[in-house]
Amino acid sequence: MSYVRRNAIYEQEQEAALQKALERRSQQFREALEARDAILAAREKQAAAQSQSPLTP
């Protein structure tokens, strides 16, 4: 196998590995955003519940 062919295969493998890593990182980012949204929703719900309840001395 020629050097040019081996180099092309190596580059293809590297590109595939980078694409896979990018997809994993994108998935992690989406999951982090979903977690953040859930936390914010829980905080809003808690704040709304506290504003509805009577204050105790």
N, C-alpha and C. Protein backbone atom coordinates (compact mmCIF):
# COMPACT_ATOMS: atom_id res chain seq x y z
N MET A 1 0.86 -1.17 0.00
CA MET A 1 0.00 0.00 0.00
C MET A 1 0.91 1.24 0.00
N SER A 2 0.57 2.16 -0.83
CA SER A 2 1.42 3.34 -0.96
C SER A 2 1.23 4.29 0.22
N TYR A 3 2.23 5.14 0.38
CA TYR A 3 2.17 6.13 1.46
C TYR A 3 0.95 7.03 1.30
N VAL A 4 0.67 7.43 0.08
CA VAL A 4 -0.47 8.32 -0.18
C VAL A 4 -1.77 7.65 0.24
N ARG A 5 -1.91 6.39 -0.10
CA ARG A 5 -3.13 5.65 0.26
C ARG A 5 -3.24 5.50 1.78
N ARG A 6 -2.14 5.14 2.43
CA ARG A 6 -2.16 4.99 3.90
C ARG A 6 -2.50 6.31 4.56
N ASN A 7 -1.93 7.39 4.04
CA ASN A 7 -2.19 8.70 4.60
C ASN A 7 -3.67 9.07 4.43
N ALA A 8 -4.25 8.76 3.29
CA ALA A 8 -5.66 9.05 3.05
C ALA A 8 -6.55 8.26 4.01
N ILE A 9 -6.21 7.00 4.22
CA ILE A 9 -6.98 6.17 5.16
C ILE A 9 -6.86 6.73 6.57
N TYR A 10 -5.65 7.11 6.96
CA TYR A 10 -5.43 7.69 8.29
C TYR A 10 -6.25 8.97 8.46
N GLU A 11 -6.24 9.82 7.45
CA GLU A 11 -7.02 11.06 7.52
C GLU A 11 -8.51 10.78 7.64
N GLN A 12 -9.00 9.79 6.91
CA GLN A 12 -10.41 9.42 6.99
C GLN A 12 -10.75 8.91 8.39
N GLU A 13 -9.87 8.09 8.94
CA GLU A 13 -10.10 7.57 10.29
C GLU A 13 -10.09 8.70 11.32
N GLN A 14 -9.17 9.63 11.17
CA GLN A 14 -9.10 10.77 12.09
C GLN A 14 -10.35 11.63 11.97
N GLU A 15 -10.80 11.86 10.76
CA GLU A 15 -12.01 12.65 10.56
C GLU A 15 -13.22 11.96 11.18
N ALA A 16 -13.32 10.66 11.01
CA ALA A 16 -14.43 9.91 11.60
C ALA A 16 -14.37 9.97 13.13
N ALA A 17 -13.18 9.86 13.69
CA ALA A 17 -13.02 9.93 15.15
C ALA A 17 -13.40 11.31 15.67
N LEU A 18 -12.98 12.34 14.96
CA LEU A 18 -13.33 13.71 15.36
C LEU A 18 -14.83 13.94 15.27
N GLN A 19 -15.45 13.43 14.22
CA GLN A 19 -16.90 13.58 14.07
C GLN A 19 -17.64 12.88 15.21
N LYS A 20 -17.18 11.70 15.57
CA LYS A 20 -17.79 10.96 16.67
C LYS A 20 -17.63 11.71 17.98
N ALA A 21 -16.45 12.27 18.21
CA ALA A 21 -16.20 13.05 19.43
C ALA A 21 -17.09 14.29 19.46
N LEU A 22 -17.25 14.93 18.31
CA LEU A 22 -18.11 16.11 18.23
C LEU A 22 -19.56 15.75 18.53
N GLU A 23 -20.01 14.62 18.02
CA GLU A 23 -21.38 14.17 18.29
C GLU A 23 -21.57 13.88 19.78
N ARG A 24 -20.57 13.24 20.41
CA ARG A 24 -20.66 12.98 21.85
C ARG A 24 -20.71 14.28 22.64
N ARG A 25 -19.87 15.23 22.28
CA ARG A 25 -19.83 16.52 22.98
C ARG A 25 -21.15 17.27 22.78
N SER A 26 -21.70 17.21 21.59
CA SER A 26 -22.98 17.87 21.33
C SER A 26 -24.08 17.25 22.18
N GLN A 27 -24.08 15.92 22.30
CA GLN A 27 -25.07 15.24 23.12
C GLN A 27 -24.92 15.64 24.58
N GLN A 28 -23.68 15.72 25.06
CA GLN A 28 -23.45 16.14 26.45
C GLN A 28 -23.95 17.56 26.67
N PHE A 29 -23.73 18.42 25.69
CA PHE A 29 -24.18 19.81 25.80
C PHE A 29 -25.70 19.87 25.85
N ARG A 30 -26.37 19.09 24.99
CA ARG A 30 -27.84 19.06 25.01
C ARG A 30 -28.35 18.56 26.36
N GLU A 31 -27.72 17.52 26.90
CA GLU A 31 -28.13 17.00 28.21
C GLU A 31 -27.92 18.03 29.31
N ALA A 32 -26.83 18.78 29.23
CA ALA A 32 -26.57 19.82 30.23
C ALA A 32 -27.63 20.92 30.14
N LEU A 33 -28.01 21.29 28.93
CA LEU A 33 -29.05 22.30 28.76
C LEU A 33 -30.40 21.81 29.29
N GLU A 34 -30.70 20.54 29.06
CA GLU A 34 -31.95 19.98 29.58
C GLU A 34 -31.94 19.97 31.10
N ALA A 35 -30.81 19.64 31.69
CA ALA A 35 -30.69 19.65 33.16
C ALA A 35 -30.85 21.06 33.69
N ARG A 36 -30.22 22.02 33.03
CA ARG A 36 -30.35 23.42 33.44
C ARG A 36 -31.81 23.87 33.36
N ASP A 37 -32.48 23.52 32.28
CA ASP A 37 -33.89 23.89 32.13
C ASP A 37 -34.74 23.27 33.22
N ALA A 38 -34.46 22.02 33.58
CA ALA A 38 -35.21 21.36 34.65
C ALA A 38 -34.98 22.05 35.99
N ILE A 39 -33.74 22.44 36.25
CA ILE A 39 -33.43 23.15 37.50
C ILE A 39 -34.15 24.49 37.54
N LEU A 40 -34.11 25.23 36.44
CA LEU A 40 -34.78 26.53 36.40
C LEU A 40 -36.29 26.37 36.58
N ALA A 41 -36.87 25.36 35.96
CA ALA A 41 -38.31 25.12 36.11
C ALA A 41 -38.65 24.78 37.55
N ALA A 42 -37.82 23.98 38.20
CA ALA A 42 -38.06 23.62 39.60
C ALA A 42 -37.96 24.85 40.49
N ARG A 43 -36.99 25.71 40.21
CA ARG A 43 -36.85 26.95 41.00
C ARG A 43 -38.07 27.85 40.82
N GLU A 44 -38.53 27.97 39.58
CA GLU A 44 -39.71 28.80 39.32
C GLU A 44 -40.94 28.22 40.02
N LYS A 45 -41.08 26.91 39.98
CA LYS A 45 -42.21 26.26 40.64
C LYS A 45 -42.14 26.49 42.15
N GLN A 46 -40.95 26.37 42.72
CA GLN A 46 -40.78 26.58 44.15
C GLN A 46 -41.07 28.03 44.51
N ALA A 47 -40.61 28.97 43.72
CA ALA A 47 -40.86 30.38 43.98
C ALA A 47 -42.35 30.69 43.90
N ALA A 48 -43.03 30.10 42.93
CA ALA A 48 -44.47 30.31 42.80
C ALA A 48 -45.21 29.73 43.99
N ALA A 49 -44.79 28.56 44.45
CA ALA A 49 -45.44 27.93 45.61
C ALA A 49 -45.22 28.77 46.86
N GLN A 50 -44.04 29.32 47.02
CA GLN A 50 -43.76 30.14 48.19
C GLN A 50 -44.54 31.45 48.16
N SER A 51 -44.74 32.00 46.97
CA SER A 51 -45.49 33.25 46.89
C SER A 51 -46.98 33.02 47.13
N GLN A 52 -47.45 31.80 46.93
CA GLN A 52 -48.86 31.47 47.16
C GLN A 52 -49.15 31.14 48.61
N SER A 53 -48.15 30.65 49.33
CA SER A 53 -48.39 30.22 50.71
C SER A 53 -48.33 31.43 51.65
N PRO A 54 -49.14 31.40 52.71
CA PRO A 54 -49.11 32.51 53.66
C PRO A 54 -47.79 32.51 54.42
N LEU A 55 -47.32 33.69 54.72
CA LEU A 55 -46.06 33.80 55.46
C LEU A 55 -46.30 33.51 56.93
N THR A 56 -45.40 32.78 57.54
CA THR A 56 -45.51 32.49 58.97
C THR A 56 -44.48 33.32 59.71
N PRO A 57 -44.84 33.85 60.88
CA PRO A 57 -43.89 34.70 61.61
C PRO A 57 -42.73 33.92 62.17
